[in-house]
Amino acid sequence: MSLTLPSDLFIDGRYTAPSGRSRTSLVNPATAEVFTEVIAADLQDVETAFAGARKAWESGWRDLSPGKRTEILFAISRKLREHVEELAQMERLQIGKPIGDARDEAGLGARVFEYYAGAITKFGGQTLPVSRGGLDFTLRQPLGVVAAIVPWNFPFPIACWKVAPALAAGNCVILKPASISPLTALKLAEIATEAGLPPGVLQVLPGPGGRIGDALVTHPGIRKVSFTGSTDVGRRIMELASRDLKRVSLELGGKSPNIVFADADWMRAADSSPMSVFANTGQDCCARSRVFVEKSIFEPFVERFVKATRALKVGDPIEDSTQLGPLVTQAHRDTVEDYLADARKRGSVFACGGGRSHPRGWYLEPTVLLNVRHDERCWREEIFGPVVAITPFEDEASMLREVNDSPYGLSGSVWTQSLPKALRVARAVESGVLSINSHSSVHVEAPFGGFKQSGIGRDLGMAALDGYTELKNIYVGE
C-alpha cells in the first residue's frame, strides 16, 4: 500500500511547522536505510502545545458531558480500525516490528479506546455515611493538562493506553513519542481529530527526550506525567517532577521470571516459553528472561525449549511468516552483543544463538544461555534483547528467594497443575503482573504495572482512570 508519512508536529488539531529547523532521520532497522525525516520540536513548541491544550481544557473539554466524550472515544475506536493496515506498516518501518504483530497492536489500540469509551459512564465517586450525619460524597475530577511519554518498543498501543484513559477522565494530553518512532503517535492524533476530538485536546511533540521530555516534566502547568521506559529515565523523571510535587506514573524495566514445576504441562511450557522472551526481539519489559525449571525435568525442558527457539522465523518484518525482526538500532544491537561477550568471557554455555542472522539490518539470533551465575550481568540486568538464561532449582523456598532477589518486579509466569501451589507461589512472587500456565501480561480490562523499580501506578483497566483524576471530598451539613 502507498503510505503518506507525517513529518510535522501535531498542535491544535493540525500538522504544524515547528519554530525550529531540527529534523530526525528515521531508519528502517531491517535495511539500515533512512526512509523519512520528521521535524523535532523545540522548547517554544512545548509552550505553544501547552497553551493550546490548556485553552481546549478550559473552553469545554473538562466540562463536556460524559455521554459526548463517550461518543467521541467510540468514534476514534471505529476510525482506528479503518487505519489498522496503515498504522501497522508505519510501525514496521520505524521499529522493524513484524507485520503480523504490528497489525495486532494497531487493533489493540482501537480496543483500548473502545474500552475507555464504555468506562466513562461507569467511573465516578461515592456517597459516604459519616458519623456526624449530613451528606458526604466524593467526586473524581480531571487533573487538567497531562503529559504522556511513550517508548519505542510498543509505540502505538502504549500511546493509546495512556491517551485514552486520560481523555476519558476529561484531561487534555501532550503526547511525546520516542524520537525514533513518532509516526503512529502523529497518525493517532490525526485520526482522533477526524473522528471529532476537539483541536488542542491531543497534541503530539516528536523530539529528543532529554530536551522535550524534560521540558514537559518540569513545566509548571503540566499536572501529571505518565511515562513508560527505562528505570534510569524513570528515576530522572521522578526527581524532576518532585520539584513541584507533580504526579507521576512510571512503567519501567523488568527482569521477569518464568517458573516451571515438574508437575506442570512442561512440554507446553517449553514450546510456548521462547516467545515469552523473544517476541518483539526481546525488546519487552515483560520478557520472561530468567527461567527457573525444576531439576527433575531440567534437561528435557531445555532440549525442547532450544528446539522451539531454533524453529522461530527470524526475517523481514514485511513478511507475514516472520516472528522475529531486527533490533531497533545498531547501537542497541551493540549493547546486547556486549552482554553476550560478557557471558562468553564468564563461561556461560550458549545452547543456541549468539550470532547475527542476516547480513543487512540489525538482526541478532535468539540466544539461550545456560550455567549463568546469579551474580552476573546477564542474569541480573535487563538486556532488552533476544537473550534468555535458564537455571535448575530443587527447593521452592530457595527458588523464590532467587526470583525475588532482583530490583525489578513487573511480570512473570508460573507453570504447575497444582492450584494450591500456583496460588502460594503467585502470592510470594514480588511482581505486579503474573500469569499461571500462560505468558499473557497485558489485558485492556486489567491493571498493568510493577513492583519495586519496575514502576509506580498502573496503566489499563479502571485503575488507570484513578491516576488521571483528583479525588475530591464534599460534605453537606444538616
Protein backbone atom coordinates (compact mmCIF):
# COMPACT_ATOMS: atom_id res chain seq x y z
CA MET A 1 0.00 0.00 0.00
CA SER A 2 1.05 3.60 -0.55
CA LEU A 3 1.89 5.38 2.70
CA THR A 4 1.78 9.08 3.40
CA LEU A 5 4.13 9.57 6.33
CA PRO A 6 3.59 12.52 8.71
CA SER A 7 6.59 14.77 9.23
CA ASP A 8 5.43 17.78 11.28
CA LEU A 9 4.24 18.38 14.84
CA PHE A 10 0.53 17.98 15.60
CA ILE A 11 -0.75 21.02 17.51
CA ASP A 12 -4.27 22.43 17.86
CA GLY A 13 -5.87 19.90 15.55
CA ARG A 14 -3.48 20.13 12.61
CA TYR A 15 0.03 19.40 11.43
CA THR A 16 2.15 22.40 12.27
CA ALA A 17 5.60 23.55 11.21
CA PRO A 18 7.88 23.89 14.25
CA SER A 19 9.52 27.04 15.47
CA GLY A 20 12.94 25.48 14.87
CA ARG A 21 14.55 23.63 11.98
CA SER A 22 15.81 20.44 13.62
CA ARG A 23 14.91 17.13 11.97
CA THR A 24 15.22 13.49 12.98
CA SER A 25 16.08 10.89 10.36
CA LEU A 26 14.11 7.67 10.72
CA VAL A 27 15.93 4.47 9.82
CA ASN A 28 14.37 1.15 8.85
CA PRO A 29 16.03 -1.40 11.20
CA ALA A 30 15.59 -4.20 8.66
CA THR A 31 17.58 -2.41 5.97
CA ALA A 32 19.65 0.15 7.93
CA GLU A 33 18.42 2.79 5.46
CA VAL A 34 16.87 6.21 6.13
CA PHE A 35 13.27 6.22 4.86
CA THR A 36 11.97 9.63 6.02
CA GLU A 37 12.60 12.62 8.26
CA VAL A 38 10.40 14.07 10.99
CA ILE A 39 10.55 17.57 12.45
CA ALA A 40 11.78 17.73 16.05
CA ALA A 41 10.01 20.04 18.48
CA ASP A 42 11.86 22.67 20.48
CA LEU A 43 11.10 24.44 23.76
CA GLN A 44 8.89 27.08 22.16
CA ASP A 45 6.76 24.30 20.69
CA VAL A 46 6.24 22.92 24.19
CA GLU A 47 4.83 26.28 25.27
CA THR A 48 2.62 26.51 22.18
CA ALA A 49 1.29 22.99 22.70
CA PHE A 50 0.61 23.61 26.38
CA ALA A 51 -1.22 26.88 25.69
CA GLY A 52 -3.44 25.17 23.14
CA ALA A 53 -4.13 22.22 25.43
CA ARG A 54 -4.96 24.44 28.39
CA LYS A 55 -7.30 26.53 26.26
CA ALA A 56 -9.05 23.40 24.97
CA TRP A 57 -9.48 22.08 28.51
CA GLU A 58 -10.85 25.31 29.97
CA SER A 59 -13.09 26.12 27.00
CA GLY A 60 -15.04 22.90 27.02
CA TRP A 61 -13.30 19.54 27.23
CA ARG A 62 -13.28 19.31 31.05
CA ASP A 63 -16.99 20.15 31.18
CA LEU A 64 -18.11 18.07 28.21
CA SER A 65 -20.84 15.66 29.21
CA PRO A 66 -19.81 12.05 29.80
CA GLY A 67 -22.16 10.99 27.03
CA LYS A 68 -20.46 13.25 24.49
CA ARG A 69 -16.96 12.11 25.49
CA THR A 70 -18.19 8.54 25.14
CA GLU A 71 -19.38 9.23 21.59
CA ILE A 72 -16.04 10.77 20.62
CA LEU A 73 -13.92 7.93 22.01
CA PHE A 74 -16.12 5.33 20.31
CA ALA A 75 -15.73 7.27 17.05
CA ILE A 76 -11.94 7.25 17.49
CA SER A 77 -12.01 3.49 18.02
CA ARG A 78 -14.02 2.95 14.84
CA LYS A 79 -11.75 5.24 12.86
CA LEU A 80 -8.62 3.49 14.13
CA ARG A 81 -9.95 0.18 12.85
CA GLU A 82 -10.21 1.70 9.38
CA HIS A 83 -6.49 2.53 9.53
CA VAL A 84 -5.07 -0.69 11.02
CA GLU A 85 -3.01 -1.57 7.96
CA GLU A 86 -1.60 1.95 7.58
CA LEU A 87 -0.62 2.08 11.27
CA ALA A 88 0.92 -1.39 11.08
CA GLN A 89 3.05 -0.51 8.06
CA MET A 90 4.32 2.62 9.84
CA GLU A 91 5.27 0.53 12.86
CA ARG A 92 7.05 -1.99 10.65
CA LEU A 93 9.08 0.73 9.01
CA GLN A 94 10.09 2.72 12.08
CA ILE A 95 10.98 -0.07 14.54
CA GLY A 96 11.21 -3.26 12.47
CA LYS A 97 8.10 -4.82 14.05
CA PRO A 98 6.89 -7.99 12.25
CA ILE A 99 3.83 -7.01 10.29
CA GLY A 100 1.56 -9.58 11.94
CA ASP A 101 2.42 -8.24 15.38
CA ALA A 102 2.04 -4.67 14.15
CA ARG A 103 -1.49 -5.37 12.91
CA ASP A 104 -2.41 -6.97 16.22
CA GLU A 105 -1.09 -3.96 18.13
CA ALA A 106 -2.96 -1.50 15.91
CA GLY A 107 -6.13 -3.43 16.67
CA LEU A 108 -5.25 -3.38 20.36
CA GLY A 109 -5.10 0.42 20.25
CA ALA A 110 -8.63 0.52 18.85
CA ARG A 111 -9.84 -1.82 21.62
CA VAL A 112 -8.29 0.44 24.26
CA PHE A 113 -10.28 3.44 23.03
CA GLU A 114 -13.40 1.30 22.87
CA TYR A 115 -12.91 0.12 26.46
CA TYR A 116 -12.44 3.62 27.87
CA ALA A 117 -15.36 4.96 25.83
CA GLY A 118 -17.52 2.46 27.67
CA ALA A 119 -15.86 3.15 31.01
CA ILE A 120 -16.64 6.88 31.09
CA THR A 121 -20.18 6.48 32.40
CA LYS A 122 -19.16 3.80 34.89
CA PHE A 123 -16.49 5.76 36.71
CA GLY A 124 -17.33 8.15 39.50
CA GLY A 125 -17.34 8.93 43.19
CA GLN A 126 -19.19 7.57 46.21
CA THR A 127 -21.71 8.64 48.83
CA LEU A 128 -20.35 8.01 52.31
CA PRO A 129 -22.15 7.63 55.63
CA VAL A 130 -20.35 9.82 58.20
CA SER A 131 -20.74 9.78 61.96
CA ARG A 132 -21.98 13.35 62.36
CA GLY A 133 -24.82 12.97 59.88
CA GLY A 134 -25.36 15.10 56.82
CA LEU A 135 -24.29 14.06 53.34
CA ASP A 136 -20.73 13.24 52.35
CA PHE A 137 -19.78 12.39 48.77
CA THR A 138 -16.70 12.20 46.57
CA LEU A 139 -16.05 13.42 43.05
CA ARG A 140 -13.50 12.28 40.51
CA GLN A 141 -12.32 15.36 38.64
CA PRO A 142 -9.81 15.66 35.77
CA LEU A 143 -6.32 16.96 36.50
CA GLY A 144 -6.02 19.33 33.54
CA VAL A 145 -3.19 19.06 31.00
CA VAL A 146 -1.13 15.89 31.36
CA ALA A 147 1.93 14.62 29.52
CA ALA A 148 2.36 11.08 28.18
CA ILE A 149 5.90 9.97 27.28
CA VAL A 150 5.96 6.67 25.42
CA PRO A 151 8.76 4.28 24.37
CA TRP A 152 9.87 2.93 21.02
CA ASN A 153 9.25 -0.80 21.60
CA PHE A 154 5.41 -0.66 21.54
CA PRO A 155 4.83 2.91 20.29
CA PHE A 156 1.20 2.73 19.22
CA PRO A 157 -0.52 0.57 21.85
CA ILE A 158 1.24 2.28 24.77
CA ALA A 159 0.32 5.69 23.36
CA CYS A 160 -3.30 4.54 23.24
CA TRP A 161 -3.36 3.12 26.74
CA LYS A 162 -2.12 6.43 28.13
CA VAL A 163 -4.10 8.81 25.93
CA ALA A 164 -7.47 7.02 26.04
CA PRO A 165 -7.98 6.95 29.85
CA ALA A 166 -6.62 10.48 30.19
CA LEU A 167 -9.16 11.75 27.65
CA ALA A 168 -11.93 9.64 29.15
CA ALA A 169 -11.32 11.28 32.53
CA GLY A 170 -11.59 14.76 30.97
CA ASN A 171 -7.92 15.74 30.61
CA CYS A 172 -6.05 17.16 27.65
CA VAL A 173 -2.86 15.35 26.62
CA ILE A 174 0.53 16.32 25.25
CA LEU A 175 1.97 13.13 23.80
CA LYS A 176 5.73 12.78 23.47
CA PRO A 177 6.70 9.75 21.35
CA ALA A 178 10.23 8.37 21.25
CA SER A 179 12.33 10.27 18.75
CA ILE A 180 12.92 7.18 16.59
CA SER A 181 9.25 6.11 16.47
CA PRO A 182 6.95 9.16 16.15
CA LEU A 183 4.87 8.19 13.12
CA THR A 184 1.99 6.29 14.71
CA ALA A 185 1.62 8.84 17.53
CA LEU A 186 1.22 11.59 14.95
CA LYS A 187 -1.23 9.47 12.97
CA LEU A 188 -3.22 8.76 16.15
CA ALA A 189 -3.77 12.49 16.69
CA GLU A 190 -4.77 12.97 13.05
CA ILE A 191 -7.28 10.11 13.21
CA ALA A 192 -8.68 11.28 16.55
CA THR A 193 -9.24 14.76 15.18
CA GLU A 194 -11.00 13.37 12.11
CA ALA A 195 -13.21 11.37 14.49
CA GLY A 196 -14.33 14.52 16.29
CA LEU A 197 -11.79 15.18 19.04
CA PRO A 198 -11.68 18.99 19.50
CA PRO A 199 -8.47 20.82 18.49
CA GLY A 200 -5.91 21.06 21.29
CA VAL A 201 -7.19 18.11 23.31
CA LEU A 202 -4.39 15.89 21.95
CA GLN A 203 -1.07 17.45 20.97
CA VAL A 204 1.93 15.45 19.69
CA LEU A 205 5.53 16.66 20.01
CA PRO A 206 8.23 14.46 18.46
CA GLY A 207 11.73 15.33 19.61
CA PRO A 208 14.63 14.38 21.86
CA GLY A 209 13.61 13.05 25.26
CA GLY A 210 16.38 14.81 27.14
CA ARG A 211 15.10 18.18 25.91
CA ILE A 212 11.38 17.92 25.18
CA GLY A 213 10.70 15.27 27.80
CA ASP A 214 12.46 17.27 30.50
CA ALA A 215 10.57 20.41 29.48
CA LEU A 216 7.25 18.62 29.87
CA VAL A 217 8.20 17.10 33.23
CA THR A 218 9.30 20.45 34.66
CA HIS A 219 6.55 22.57 33.09
CA PRO A 220 4.56 24.19 35.91
CA GLY A 221 1.26 23.79 34.07
CA ILE A 222 1.54 20.06 33.44
CA ARG A 223 -0.37 18.30 36.23
CA LYS A 224 0.86 14.75 35.64
CA VAL A 225 3.46 12.79 33.67
CA SER A 226 2.79 9.22 32.61
CA PHE A 227 5.98 7.55 31.41
CA THR A 228 6.92 4.13 30.06
CA GLY A 229 10.59 3.39 29.53
CA SER A 230 13.81 2.53 31.30
CA THR A 231 14.24 2.59 35.05
CA ASP A 232 17.11 5.07 34.78
CA VAL A 233 14.99 7.58 32.84
CA GLY A 234 12.04 6.95 35.16
CA ARG A 235 14.22 7.77 38.14
CA ARG A 236 15.22 11.06 36.49
CA ILE A 237 11.59 11.92 35.72
CA MET A 238 10.64 11.28 39.34
CA GLU A 239 13.44 13.54 40.55
CA LEU A 240 12.45 16.36 38.19
CA ALA A 241 8.75 16.01 38.97
CA SER A 242 9.45 16.21 42.70
CA ARG A 243 10.35 19.89 42.35
CA ASP A 244 6.69 20.86 42.18
CA LEU A 245 5.24 17.58 43.54
CA LYS A 246 3.91 16.73 40.08
CA ARG A 247 2.04 13.45 39.92
CA VAL A 248 3.79 10.65 38.04
CA SER A 249 3.05 7.14 36.92
CA LEU A 250 6.03 5.10 35.80
CA GLU A 251 6.07 1.76 34.00
CA LEU A 252 9.74 0.82 33.89
CA GLY A 253 12.16 -2.05 33.40
CA GLY A 254 11.81 -5.73 34.15
CA LYS A 255 13.71 -8.97 34.53
CA SER A 256 10.75 -11.27 34.74
CA PRO A 257 10.83 -14.90 35.92
CA ASN A 258 9.31 -17.94 34.25
CA ILE A 259 8.89 -20.71 36.86
CA VAL A 260 8.26 -24.27 35.63
CA PHE A 261 7.48 -27.03 38.14
CA ALA A 262 7.84 -30.73 37.35
CA ASP A 263 4.11 -31.31 37.79
CA ALA A 264 3.27 -28.79 35.06
CA ASP A 265 2.47 -29.48 31.44
CA TRP A 266 6.13 -28.70 30.97
CA MET A 267 6.21 -29.66 27.30
CA ARG A 268 3.61 -26.99 26.54
CA ALA A 269 5.60 -24.58 28.69
CA ALA A 270 8.81 -25.38 26.80
CA ASP A 271 7.13 -24.96 23.42
CA SER A 272 5.50 -21.63 24.30
CA SER A 273 8.15 -20.05 26.52
CA PRO A 274 10.57 -18.93 23.78
CA MET A 275 8.08 -16.34 22.52
CA SER A 276 7.55 -15.13 26.10
CA VAL A 277 11.07 -13.72 25.94
CA PHE A 278 11.92 -13.44 22.24
CA ALA A 279 8.73 -11.77 20.99
CA ASN A 280 9.45 -8.25 19.75
CA THR A 281 13.05 -9.49 19.54
CA GLY A 282 13.24 -9.42 23.34
CA GLN A 283 12.59 -5.67 23.43
CA ASP A 284 9.87 -6.03 26.04
CA CYS A 285 9.94 -5.12 29.73
CA CYS A 286 7.70 -8.17 30.39
CA ALA A 287 10.13 -10.61 28.75
CA ARG A 288 10.49 -13.77 30.84
CA SER A 289 14.29 -13.69 30.59
CA ARG A 290 15.04 -15.73 33.74
CA VAL A 291 13.67 -19.28 33.51
CA PHE A 292 13.60 -21.44 36.65
CA VAL A 293 13.00 -25.14 35.89
CA GLU A 294 12.60 -27.88 38.49
CA LYS A 295 15.70 -30.08 38.32
CA SER A 296 13.95 -33.38 37.54
CA ILE A 297 12.73 -32.02 34.18
CA PHE A 298 15.55 -29.55 33.50
CA GLU A 299 17.39 -31.38 30.72
CA PRO A 300 14.36 -32.42 28.63
CA PHE A 301 12.83 -28.96 29.14
CA VAL A 302 15.98 -27.22 27.87
CA GLU A 303 16.18 -29.58 24.90
CA ARG A 304 12.60 -28.83 23.91
CA PHE A 305 12.98 -25.07 24.60
CA VAL A 306 16.06 -24.91 22.36
CA LYS A 307 14.29 -26.85 19.61
CA ALA A 308 11.36 -24.41 19.72
CA THR A 309 13.77 -21.46 19.67
CA ARG A 310 15.59 -22.74 16.60
CA ALA A 311 12.25 -23.12 14.81
CA LEU A 312 11.39 -19.42 15.19
CA LYS A 313 11.30 -17.49 11.91
CA VAL A 314 13.70 -14.53 12.01
CA GLY A 315 13.22 -12.47 8.89
CA ASP A 316 11.97 -9.43 7.02
CA PRO A 317 9.21 -7.69 9.04
CA ILE A 318 7.16 -7.23 5.87
CA GLU A 319 6.58 -11.00 5.55
CA ASP A 320 3.53 -12.46 7.27
CA SER A 321 5.51 -15.53 8.36
CA THR A 322 8.16 -13.53 10.25
CA GLN A 323 8.06 -13.97 14.03
CA LEU A 324 11.19 -12.00 14.99
CA GLY A 325 12.53 -8.92 13.28
CA PRO A 326 15.71 -6.88 13.84
CA LEU A 327 16.69 -4.94 16.92
CA VAL A 328 15.69 -1.31 16.75
CA THR A 329 19.07 0.37 16.16
CA GLN A 330 22.69 -0.55 15.55
CA ALA A 331 23.63 0.97 18.91
CA HIS A 332 21.07 -1.19 20.69
CA ARG A 333 22.36 -4.34 18.99
CA ASP A 334 25.88 -3.38 20.06
CA THR A 335 24.65 -3.15 23.66
CA VAL A 336 23.03 -6.59 23.53
CA GLU A 337 26.15 -8.09 21.94
CA ASP A 338 28.21 -6.61 24.77
CA TYR A 339 26.12 -8.68 27.20
CA LEU A 340 26.76 -11.78 25.10
CA ALA A 341 30.51 -11.09 25.04
CA ASP A 342 30.45 -10.83 28.83
CA ALA A 343 28.59 -14.15 29.06
CA ARG A 344 31.21 -15.85 26.87
CA LYS A 345 34.02 -14.43 28.95
CA ARG A 346 32.44 -15.77 32.14
CA GLY A 347 31.94 -19.27 30.76
CA SER A 348 28.20 -19.36 30.12
CA VAL A 349 27.04 -22.12 27.78
CA PHE A 350 25.38 -20.95 24.56
CA ALA A 351 22.75 -23.64 23.92
CA CYS A 352 21.82 -21.79 20.72
CA GLY A 353 22.11 -18.39 19.08
CA GLY A 354 24.51 -15.57 19.80
CA GLY A 355 25.27 -14.56 16.21
CA ARG A 356 23.91 -12.23 13.56
CA SER A 357 21.30 -13.96 11.44
CA HIS A 358 21.25 -11.55 8.47
CA PRO A 359 23.99 -9.63 6.63
CA ARG A 360 21.91 -6.47 6.40
CA GLY A 361 19.89 -4.76 9.13
CA TRP A 362 20.30 -5.06 12.89
CA TYR A 363 19.42 -8.70 13.36
CA LEU A 364 20.54 -10.96 16.19
CA GLU A 365 19.77 -14.64 16.72
CA PRO A 366 17.62 -15.59 19.71
CA THR A 367 20.07 -16.83 22.32
CA VAL A 368 19.66 -19.41 25.10
CA LEU A 369 22.23 -19.28 27.91
CA LEU A 370 22.95 -21.99 30.49
CA ASN A 371 25.28 -22.03 33.51
CA VAL A 372 24.84 -18.32 34.12
CA ARG A 373 25.78 -17.45 37.69
CA HIS A 374 23.15 -15.44 39.55
CA ASP A 375 25.57 -12.60 40.25
CA GLU A 376 26.38 -11.99 36.56
CA ARG A 377 25.11 -9.17 34.36
CA CYS A 378 23.14 -11.44 32.01
CA TRP A 379 21.20 -12.77 34.97
CA ARG A 380 20.62 -9.57 36.92
CA GLU A 381 20.34 -6.76 34.36
CA GLU A 382 17.63 -6.05 31.81
CA ILE A 383 19.23 -6.86 28.46
CA PHE A 384 16.21 -5.81 26.36
CA GLY A 385 17.18 -8.18 23.59
CA PRO A 386 16.66 -11.81 22.47
CA VAL A 387 18.57 -13.43 25.35
CA VAL A 388 17.29 -15.85 27.98
CA ALA A 389 19.05 -17.65 30.85
CA ILE A 390 17.70 -20.99 32.12
CA THR A 391 18.60 -22.42 35.53
CA PRO A 392 17.51 -25.51 37.52
CA PHE A 393 16.05 -25.48 41.04
CA GLU A 394 15.25 -28.14 43.64
CA ASP A 395 13.78 -26.26 46.61
CA GLU A 396 10.76 -23.98 46.21
CA ALA A 397 11.71 -21.63 49.03
CA SER A 398 15.27 -21.15 47.74
CA MET A 399 13.96 -20.63 44.22
CA LEU A 400 11.57 -17.93 45.39
CA ARG A 401 14.38 -16.11 47.16
CA GLU A 402 16.32 -16.09 43.86
CA VAL A 403 13.24 -14.96 41.94
CA ASN A 404 12.72 -12.02 44.28
CA ASP A 405 16.42 -11.15 44.52
CA SER A 406 16.02 -8.51 41.81
CA PRO A 407 15.39 -4.77 41.80
CA TYR A 408 12.59 -5.41 39.30
CA GLY A 409 9.08 -6.79 39.72
CA LEU A 410 6.98 -6.32 36.60
CA SER A 411 5.69 -9.60 35.19
CA GLY A 412 6.23 -13.35 35.16
CA SER A 413 4.76 -16.82 34.73
CA VAL A 414 4.20 -19.87 36.95
CA TRP A 415 3.63 -23.32 35.46
CA THR A 416 2.07 -26.03 37.65
CA GLN A 417 -1.05 -28.20 37.70
CA SER A 418 -1.40 -27.78 41.46
CA LEU A 419 -3.82 -24.97 42.29
CA PRO A 420 -2.60 -24.59 45.90
CA LYS A 421 1.00 -24.34 44.67
CA ALA A 422 0.07 -21.88 41.93
CA LEU A 423 -1.66 -19.57 44.40
CA ARG A 424 1.10 -19.92 47.01
CA VAL A 425 3.85 -19.07 44.53
CA ALA A 426 1.81 -16.29 42.87
CA ARG A 427 1.40 -14.61 46.25
CA ALA A 428 5.10 -14.97 47.01
CA VAL A 429 6.50 -13.58 43.74
CA GLU A 430 7.13 -9.83 44.01
CA SER A 431 5.57 -8.82 40.72
CA GLY A 432 2.78 -6.52 39.61
CA VAL A 433 1.51 -8.85 36.89
CA LEU A 434 1.67 -12.65 36.95
CA SER A 435 0.28 -15.41 34.72
CA ILE A 436 -0.40 -19.02 35.70
CA ASN A 437 0.08 -21.60 32.92
CA SER A 438 0.24 -18.69 30.48
CA HIS A 439 2.54 -15.91 29.32
CA SER A 440 -0.08 -13.21 28.87
CA SER A 441 0.81 -9.94 30.63
CA VAL A 442 -1.43 -7.29 29.09
CA HIS A 443 -5.23 -7.20 29.21
CA VAL A 444 -7.08 -4.00 28.38
CA GLU A 445 -9.52 -4.62 31.21
CA ALA A 446 -6.92 -5.32 33.93
CA PRO A 447 -4.37 -3.08 35.70
CA PHE A 448 -0.79 -3.26 34.42
CA GLY A 449 2.29 -2.08 36.32
CA GLY A 450 5.16 -3.16 38.51
CA PHE A 451 6.58 -3.54 41.98
CA LYS A 452 9.91 -2.15 43.22
CA GLN A 453 11.97 -0.46 40.48
CA SER A 454 9.58 -1.62 37.79
CA GLY A 455 7.39 1.38 38.44
CA ILE A 456 4.69 3.32 40.24
CA GLY A 457 1.00 3.41 39.36
CA ARG A 458 -0.99 1.39 36.85
CA ASP A 459 -1.96 1.57 33.20
CA LEU A 460 -5.08 -0.10 31.76
CA GLY A 461 -8.26 -1.25 33.43
CA MET A 462 -10.38 1.05 35.57
CA ALA A 463 -7.32 1.66 37.77
CA ALA A 464 -5.82 3.88 35.07
CA LEU A 465 -8.70 6.33 35.42
CA ASP A 466 -7.84 6.82 39.10
CA GLY A 467 -4.40 8.06 38.06
CA TYR A 468 -5.82 10.76 35.77
CA THR A 469 -8.20 12.28 38.32
CA GLU A 470 -8.25 14.14 41.61
CA LEU A 471 -10.39 12.69 44.38
CA LYS A 472 -12.44 15.48 45.98
CA ASN A 473 -14.50 15.02 49.14
CA ILE A 474 -17.57 17.24 49.76
CA TYR A 475 -19.57 17.37 52.99
CA VAL A 476 -23.02 18.91 53.24
CA GLY A 477 -24.16 19.61 56.77
CA GLU A 478 -27.70 19.03 58.00
